[in-house]
């Protein structure tokens, strides 16, 4: 199974690299697969590569789903 995580772009380093953050964790993001990435955009991060831009609402919904799954997994233990 492949999982992509929404991250918010907090810095553009150059034409091919940005820095994203999720829950305070900073990640290097390869942005060569998508165009016109700007600070404040949300992107789906998979294996270090941004594979799609998301609007803020979709990003927040996805992050909430991950939180719910993590909470449910913790309750099953």
PDB file of N, CA and C in Angstrom:
ATOM      1  N   UNK A   1       0.840  -1.169   0.000  1.00  0.00           N
ATOM      2  CA  UNK A   1       0.000   0.000   0.000  1.00  0.00           C
ATOM      3  C   UNK A   1       0.889   1.238   0.000  1.00  0.00           C
ATOM      4  N   UNK A   2       0.507   2.229  -0.773  1.00  0.00           N
ATOM      5  CA  UNK A   2       1.233   3.494  -0.840  1.00  0.00           C
ATOM      6  C   UNK A   2       0.421   4.561  -0.120  1.00  0.00           C
ATOM      7  N   UNK A   3       1.099   5.354   0.670  1.00  0.00           N
ATOM      8  CA  UNK A   3       0.429   6.427   1.387  1.00  0.00           C
ATOM      9  C   UNK A   3       1.125   7.734   1.064  1.00  0.00           C
ATOM     10  N   UNK A   4       0.339   8.734   0.725  1.00  0.00           N
ATOM     11  CA  UNK A   4       0.849  10.086   0.521  1.00  0.00           C
ATOM     12  C   UNK A   4       0.261  10.958   1.626  1.00  0.00           C
ATOM     13  N   UNK A   5       1.077  11.841   2.148  1.00  0.00           N
ATOM     14  CA  UNK A   5       0.685  12.669   3.285  1.00  0.00           C
ATOM     15  C   UNK A   5       0.647  14.133   2.860  1.00  0.00           C
ATOM     16  N   UNK A   6      -0.417  14.852   3.197  1.00  0.00           N
ATOM     17  CA  UNK A   6      -0.451  16.282   2.888  1.00  0.00           C
ATOM     18  C   UNK A   6       0.562  17.044   3.746  1.00  0.00           C
ATOM     19  N   UNK A   7       1.333  17.894   3.107  1.00  0.00           N
ATOM     20  CA  UNK A   7       2.261  18.775   3.822  1.00  0.00           C
ATOM     21  C   UNK A   7       2.068  20.195   3.307  1.00  0.00           C
ATOM     22  N   UNK A   8       2.291  21.141   4.184  1.00  0.00           N
ATOM     23  CA  UNK A   8       2.189  22.548   3.800  1.00  0.00           C
ATOM     24  C   UNK A   8       3.580  23.041   3.415  1.00  0.00           C
ATOM     25  N   UNK A   9       3.683  23.653   2.251  1.00  0.00           N
ATOM     26  CA  UNK A   9       4.964  24.190   1.783  1.00  0.00           C
ATOM     27  C   UNK A   9       5.277  25.440   2.592  1.00  0.00           C
ATOM     28  N   UNK A  10       6.441  25.427   3.253  1.00  0.00           N
ATOM     29  CA  UNK A  10       6.823  26.571   4.083  1.00  0.00           C
ATOM     30  C   UNK A  10       8.019  27.326   3.519  1.00  0.00           C
ATOM     31  N   UNK A  11       8.692  26.722   2.521  1.00  0.00           N
ATOM     32  CA  UNK A  11       9.845  27.384   1.912  1.00  0.00           C
ATOM     33  C   UNK A  11      10.091  26.778   0.535  1.00  0.00           C
ATOM     34  N   UNK A  12      10.406  27.631  -0.433  1.00  0.00           N
ATOM     35  CA  UNK A  12      10.850  27.171  -1.744  1.00  0.00           C
ATOM     36  C   UNK A  12      12.370  27.343  -1.761  1.00  0.00           C
ATOM     37  N   UNK A  13      13.083  26.242  -1.929  1.00  0.00           N
ATOM     38  CA  UNK A  13      14.549  26.286  -1.909  1.00  0.00           C
ATOM     39  C   UNK A  13      15.078  26.667  -3.285  1.00  0.00           C
ATOM     40  N   UNK A  14      14.576  25.989  -4.320  1.00  0.00           N
ATOM     41  CA  UNK A  14      14.953  26.279  -5.697  1.00  0.00           C
ATOM     42  C   UNK A  14      13.885  25.694  -6.618  1.00  0.00           C
ATOM     43  N   UNK A  15      14.157  25.600  -7.908  1.00  0.00           N
ATOM     44  CA  UNK A  15      13.150  25.121  -8.865  1.00  0.00           C
ATOM     45  C   UNK A  15      12.747  23.671  -8.650  1.00  0.00           C
ATOM     46  N   UNK A  16      13.540  22.899  -7.935  1.00  0.00           N
ATOM     47  CA  UNK A  16      13.245  21.473  -7.786  1.00  0.00           C
ATOM     48  C   UNK A  16      12.984  21.045  -6.347  1.00  0.00           C
ATOM     49  N   UNK A  17      13.209  21.936  -5.401  1.00  0.00           N
ATOM     50  CA  UNK A  17      13.126  21.532  -3.997  1.00  0.00           C
ATOM     51  C   UNK A  17      12.424  22.577  -3.138  1.00  0.00           C
ATOM     52  N   UNK A  18      11.612  22.065  -2.219  1.00  0.00           N
ATOM     53  CA  UNK A  18      10.934  22.918  -1.244  1.00  0.00           C
ATOM     54  C   UNK A  18      11.060  22.258   0.123  1.00  0.00           C
ATOM     55  N   UNK A  19      10.598  22.970   1.128  1.00  0.00           N
ATOM     56  CA  UNK A  19      10.514  22.424   2.478  1.00  0.00           C
ATOM     57  C   UNK A  19       9.043  22.448   2.867  1.00  0.00           C
ATOM     58  N   UNK A  20       8.553  21.316   3.352  1.00  0.00           N
ATOM     59  CA  UNK A  20       7.173  21.213   3.799  1.00  0.00           C
ATOM     60  C   UNK A  20       7.143  20.847   5.263  1.00  0.00           C
ATOM     61  N   UNK A  21       5.986  21.063   5.886  1.00  0.00           N
ATOM     62  CA  UNK A  21       5.849  20.734   7.303  1.00  0.00           C
ATOM     63  C   UNK A  21       4.492  20.101   7.546  1.00  0.00           C
ATOM     64  N   UNK A  22       4.518  19.112   8.428  1.00  0.00           N
ATOM     65  CA  UNK A  22       3.286  18.506   8.922  1.00  0.00           C
ATOM     66  C   UNK A  22       3.491  18.198  10.401  1.00  0.00           C
ATOM     67  N   UNK A  23       2.574  18.690  11.227  1.00  0.00           N
ATOM     68  CA  UNK A  23       2.658  18.515  12.678  1.00  0.00           C
ATOM     69  C   UNK A  23       4.014  18.952  13.227  1.00  0.00           C
ATOM     70  N   UNK A  24       4.561  20.029  12.674  1.00  0.00           N
ATOM     71  CA  UNK A  24       5.820  20.573  13.145  1.00  0.00           C
ATOM     72  C   UNK A  24       7.066  19.882  12.622  1.00  0.00           C
ATOM     73  N   UNK A  25       6.892  18.817  11.866  1.00  0.00           N
ATOM     74  CA  UNK A  25       8.034  18.099  11.306  1.00  0.00           C
ATOM     75  C   UNK A  25       8.318  18.653   9.911  1.00  0.00           C
ATOM     76  N   UNK A  26       9.559  19.092   9.699  1.00  0.00           N
ATOM     77  CA  UNK A  26       9.959  19.634   8.402  1.00  0.00           C
ATOM     78  C   UNK A  26      10.491  18.517   7.513  1.00  0.00           C
ATOM     79  N   UNK A  27      10.092  18.556   6.247  1.00  0.00           N
ATOM     80  CA  UNK A  27      10.509  17.535   5.285  1.00  0.00           C
ATOM     81  C   UNK A  27      10.987  18.212   4.014  1.00  0.00           C
ATOM     82  N   UNK A  28      12.035  17.657   3.412  1.00  0.00           N
ATOM     83  CA  UNK A  28      12.461  18.098   2.097  1.00  0.00           C
ATOM     84  C   UNK A  28      11.504  17.515   1.069  1.00  0.00           C
ATOM     85  N   UNK A  29      11.066  18.346   0.124  1.00  0.00           N
ATOM     86  CA  UNK A  29      10.071  17.947  -0.860  1.00  0.00           C
ATOM     87  C   UNK A  29      10.607  18.210  -2.261  1.00  0.00           C
ATOM     88  N   UNK A  30      10.675  17.157  -3.075  1.00  0.00           N
ATOM     89  CA  UNK A  30      11.022  17.319  -4.486  1.00  0.00           C
ATOM     90  C   UNK A  30       9.766  17.802  -5.194  1.00  0.00           C
ATOM     91  N   UNK A  31       9.843  18.957  -5.866  1.00  0.00           N
ATOM     92  CA  UNK A  31       8.666  19.554  -6.493  1.00  0.00           C
ATOM     93  C   UNK A  31       8.712  19.509  -8.019  1.00  0.00           C
ATOM     94  N   UNK A  32       9.557  18.660  -8.585  1.00  0.00           N
ATOM     95  CA  UNK A  32       9.691  18.636 -10.042  1.00  0.00           C
ATOM     96  C   UNK A  32       8.477  18.040 -10.750  1.00  0.00           C
ATOM     97  N   UNK A  33       7.643  17.269 -10.073  1.00  0.00           N
ATOM     98  CA  UNK A  33       6.514  16.620 -10.733  1.00  0.00           C
ATOM     99  C   UNK A  33       5.275  17.506 -10.843  1.00  0.00           C
ATOM    100  N   UNK A  34       5.244  18.621 -10.141  1.00  0.00           N
ATOM    101  CA  UNK A  34       4.094  19.519 -10.220  1.00  0.00           C
ATOM    102  C   UNK A  34       4.584  20.931 -10.495  1.00  0.00           C
ATOM    103  N   UNK A  35       3.704  21.753 -11.035  1.00  0.00           N
ATOM    104  CA  UNK A  35       4.124  23.102 -11.419  1.00  0.00           C
ATOM    105  C   UNK A  35       3.545  24.156 -10.484  1.00  0.00           C
ATOM    106  N   UNK A  36       4.200  25.289 -10.478  1.00  0.00           N
ATOM    107  CA  UNK A  36       3.731  26.476  -9.772  1.00  0.00           C
ATOM    108  C   UNK A  36       3.452  26.242  -8.294  1.00  0.00           C
ATOM    109  N   UNK A  37       4.400  25.663  -7.602  1.00  0.00           N
ATOM    110  CA  UNK A  37       4.279  25.468  -6.153  1.00  0.00           C
ATOM    111  C   UNK A  37       4.702  26.759  -5.463  1.00  0.00           C
ATOM    112  N   UNK A  38       3.889  27.201  -4.507  1.00  0.00           N
ATOM    113  CA  UNK A  38       4.174  28.419  -3.765  1.00  0.00           C
ATOM    114  C   UNK A  38       4.110  28.151  -2.266  1.00  0.00           C
ATOM    115  N   UNK A  39       4.781  29.001  -1.504  1.00  0.00           N
ATOM    116  CA  UNK A  39       4.705  28.916  -0.047  1.00  0.00           C
ATOM    117  C   UNK A  39       3.239  29.036   0.351  1.00  0.00           C
ATOM    118  N   UNK A  40       2.810  28.157   1.246  1.00  0.00           N
ATOM    119  CA  UNK A  40       1.430  28.131   1.704  1.00  0.00           C
ATOM    120  C   UNK A  40       0.582  27.074   1.020  1.00  0.00           C
ATOM    121  N   UNK A  41       1.061  26.554  -0.137  1.00  0.00           N
ATOM    122  CA  UNK A  41       0.339  25.478  -0.819  1.00  0.00           C
ATOM    123  C   UNK A  41       0.429  24.192  -0.010  1.00  0.00           C
ATOM    124  N   UNK A  42      -0.579  23.353  -0.170  1.00  0.00           N
ATOM    125  CA  UNK A  42      -0.526  21.994   0.370  1.00  0.00           C
ATOM    126  C   UNK A  42      -0.264  21.044  -0.786  1.00  0.00           C
ATOM    127  N   UNK A  43       0.648  20.098  -0.571  1.00  0.00           N
ATOM    128  CA  UNK A  43       0.948  19.083  -1.581  1.00  0.00           C
ATOM    129  C   UNK A  43       0.894  17.709  -0.928  1.00  0.00           C
ATOM    130  N   UNK A  44       0.601  16.705  -1.755  1.00  0.00           N
ATOM    131  CA  UNK A  44       0.683  15.328  -1.279  1.00  0.00           C
ATOM    132  C   UNK A  44       2.119  14.869  -1.433  1.00  0.00           C
ATOM    133  N   UNK A  45       2.715  14.405  -0.340  1.00  0.00           N
ATOM    134  CA  UNK A  45       4.104  13.965  -0.332  1.00  0.00           C
ATOM    135  C   UNK A  45       4.160  12.446  -0.292  1.00  0.00           C
ATOM    136  N   UNK A  46       4.829  11.865  -1.284  1.00  0.00           N
ATOM    137  CA  UNK A  46       5.018  10.415  -1.347  1.00  0.00           C
ATOM    138  C   UNK A  46       6.474  10.145  -1.691  1.00  0.00           C
ATOM    139  N   UNK A  47       7.158   9.438  -0.814  1.00  0.00           N
ATOM    140  CA  UNK A  47       8.567   9.084  -1.029  1.00  0.00           C
ATOM    141  C   UNK A  47       9.427  10.301  -1.349  1.00  0.00           C
ATOM    142  N   UNK A  48       9.138  11.407  -0.680  1.00  0.00           N
ATOM    143  CA  UNK A  48       9.945  12.612  -0.848  1.00  0.00           C
ATOM    144  C   UNK A  48       9.544  13.490  -2.014  1.00  0.00           C
ATOM    145  N   UNK A  49       8.553  13.053  -2.807  1.00  0.00           N
ATOM    146  CA  UNK A  49       8.127  13.815  -3.983  1.00  0.00           C
ATOM    147  C   UNK A  49       6.712  14.341  -3.816  1.00  0.00           C
ATOM    148  N   UNK A  50       6.514  15.593  -4.177  1.00  0.00           N
ATOM    149  CA  UNK A  50       5.171  16.148  -4.241  1.00  0.00           C
ATOM    150  C   UNK A  50       4.516  15.582  -5.489  1.00  0.00           C
ATOM    151  N   UNK A  51       3.364  14.933  -5.322  1.00  0.00           N
ATOM    152  CA  UNK A  51       2.718  14.297  -6.469  1.00  0.00           C
ATOM    153  C   UNK A  51       1.423  14.989  -6.880  1.00  0.00           C
ATOM    154  N   UNK A  52       0.933  15.918  -6.045  1.00  0.00           N
ATOM    155  CA  UNK A  52      -0.311  16.617  -6.374  1.00  0.00           C
ATOM    156  C   UNK A  52      -0.480  17.797  -5.437  1.00  0.00           C
ATOM    157  N   UNK A  53      -1.047  18.890  -5.943  1.00  0.00           N
ATOM    158  CA  UNK A  53      -1.427  19.999  -5.077  1.00  0.00           C
ATOM    159  C   UNK A  53      -2.822  19.733  -4.538  1.00  0.00           C
ATOM    160  N   UNK A  54      -3.067  20.172  -3.307  1.00  0.00           N
ATOM    161  CA  UNK A  54      -4.376  20.042  -2.659  1.00  0.00           C
ATOM    162  C   UNK A  54      -4.838  21.413  -2.195  1.00  0.00           C
ATOM    163  N   UNK A  55      -6.159  21.597  -2.152  1.00  0.00           N
ATOM    164  CA  UNK A  55      -6.624  22.822  -1.500  1.00  0.00           C
ATOM    165  C   UNK A  55      -6.577  22.579   0.011  1.00  0.00           C
ATOM    166  N   UNK A  56      -6.674  23.654   0.772  1.00  0.00           N
ATOM    167  CA  UNK A  56      -6.519  23.544   2.227  1.00  0.00           C
ATOM    168  C   UNK A  56      -7.583  22.636   2.839  1.00  0.00           C
ATOM    169  N   UNK A  57      -8.795  22.710   2.350  1.00  0.00           N
ATOM    170  CA  UNK A  57      -9.881  21.895   2.890  1.00  0.00           C
ATOM    171  C   UNK A  57      -9.595  20.401   2.719  1.00  0.00           C
ATOM    172  N   UNK A  58      -9.186  20.010   1.519  1.00  0.00           N
ATOM    173  CA  UNK A  58      -8.873  18.596   1.258  1.00  0.00           C
ATOM    174  C   UNK A  58      -7.697  18.136   2.108  1.00  0.00           C
ATOM    175  N   UNK A  59      -6.693  18.997   2.261  1.00  0.00           N
ATOM    176  CA  UNK A  59      -5.534  18.639   3.081  1.00  0.00           C
ATOM    177  C   UNK A  59      -5.952  18.421   4.531  1.00  0.00           C
ATOM    178  N   UNK A  60      -6.778  19.323   5.067  1.00  0.00           N
ATOM    179  CA  UNK A  60      -7.214  19.204   6.460  1.00  0.00           C
ATOM    180  C   UNK A  60      -8.088  17.964   6.670  1.00  0.00           C
ATOM    181  N   UNK A  61      -8.949  17.654   5.703  1.00  0.00           N
ATOM    182  CA  UNK A  61      -9.773  16.443   5.804  1.00  0.00           C
ATOM    183  C   UNK A  61      -8.900  15.190   5.837  1.00  0.00           C
ATOM    184  N   UNK A  62      -7.900  15.150   4.994  1.00  0.00           N
ATOM    185  CA  UNK A  62      -7.012  13.984   4.938  1.00  0.00           C
ATOM    186  C   UNK A  62      -6.215  13.852   6.227  1.00  0.00           C
ATOM    187  N   UNK A  63      -5.696  14.971   6.733  1.00  0.00           N
ATOM    188  CA  UNK A  63      -4.941  14.917   7.993  1.00  0.00           C
ATOM    189  C   UNK A  63      -5.840  14.478   9.150  1.00  0.00           C
ATOM    190  N   UNK A  64      -7.087  14.920   9.141  1.00  0.00           N
ATOM    191  CA  UNK A  64      -8.032  14.500  10.186  1.00  0.00           C
ATOM    192  C   UNK A  64      -8.289  12.992  10.100  1.00  0.00           C
ATOM    193  N   UNK A  65      -8.389  12.479   8.885  1.00  0.00           N
ATOM    194  CA  UNK A  65      -8.595  11.036   8.715  1.00  0.00           C
ATOM    195  C   UNK A  65      -7.399  10.254   9.258  1.00  0.00           C
ATOM    196  N   UNK A  66      -6.182  10.747   9.011  1.00  0.00           N
ATOM    197  CA  UNK A  66      -4.991  10.088   9.563  1.00  0.00           C
ATOM    198  C   UNK A  66      -5.019  10.107  11.087  1.00  0.00           C
ATOM    199  N   UNK A  67      -5.415  11.248  11.684  1.00  0.00           N
ATOM    200  CA  UNK A  67      -5.500  11.335  13.151  1.00  0.00           C
ATOM    201  C   UNK A  67      -6.519  10.337  13.692  1.00  0.00           C
ATOM    202  N   UNK A  68      -7.675  10.237  13.025  1.00  0.00           N
ATOM    203  CA  UNK A  68      -8.701   9.290  13.460  1.00  0.00           C
ATOM    204  C   UNK A  68      -8.203   7.860  13.382  1.00  0.00           C
ATOM    205  N   UNK A  69      -7.513   7.523  12.301  1.00  0.00           N
ATOM    206  CA  UNK A  69      -6.970   6.167  12.153  1.00  0.00           C
ATOM    207  C   UNK A  69      -5.948   5.858  13.238  1.00  0.00           C
ATOM    208  N   UNK A  70      -5.087   6.828  13.531  1.00  0.00           N
ATOM    209  CA  UNK A  70      -4.073   6.622  14.571  1.00  0.00           C
ATOM    210  C   UNK A  70      -4.727   6.451  15.928  1.00  0.00           C
ATOM    211  N   UNK A  71      -5.753   7.230  16.193  1.00  0.00           N
ATOM    212  CA  UNK A  71      -6.466   7.105  17.472  1.00  0.00           C
ATOM    213  C   UNK A  71      -7.153   5.747  17.565  1.00  0.00           C
ATOM    214  N   UNK A  72      -7.831   5.320  16.496  1.00  0.00           N
ATOM    215  CA  UNK A  72      -8.500   4.022  16.489  1.00  0.00           C
ATOM    216  C   UNK A  72      -7.495   2.885  16.677  1.00  0.00           C
ATOM    217  N   UNK A  73      -6.338   2.995  16.059  1.00  0.00           N
ATOM    218  CA  UNK A  73      -5.324   1.957  16.200  1.00  0.00           C
ATOM    219  C   UNK A  73      -4.825   1.886  17.637  1.00  0.00           C
ATOM    220  N   UNK A  74      -4.702   3.033  18.283  1.00  0.00           N
ATOM    221  CA  UNK A  74      -4.271   3.060  19.669  1.00  0.00           C
ATOM    222  C   UNK A  74      -5.287   2.451  20.612  1.00  0.00           C
ATOM    223  N   UNK A  75      -6.562   2.597  20.301  1.00  0.00           N
ATOM    224  CA  UNK A  75      -7.618   2.052  21.146  1.00  0.00           C
ATOM    225  C   UNK A  75      -7.721   0.528  21.033  1.00  0.00           C
ATOM    226  N   UNK A  76      -7.274  -0.027  19.914  1.00  0.00           N
ATOM    227  CA  UNK A  76      -7.367  -1.472  19.697  1.00  0.00           C
ATOM    228  C   UNK A  76      -6.287  -2.243  20.441  1.00  0.00           C
ATOM    229  N   UNK A  77      -5.306  -1.564  20.950  1.00  0.00           N
ATOM    230  CA  UNK A  77      -4.190  -2.246  21.616  1.00  0.00           C
ATOM    231  C   UNK A  77      -4.541  -2.703  22.979  1.00  0.00           C
TER     232      UNK A  77
END
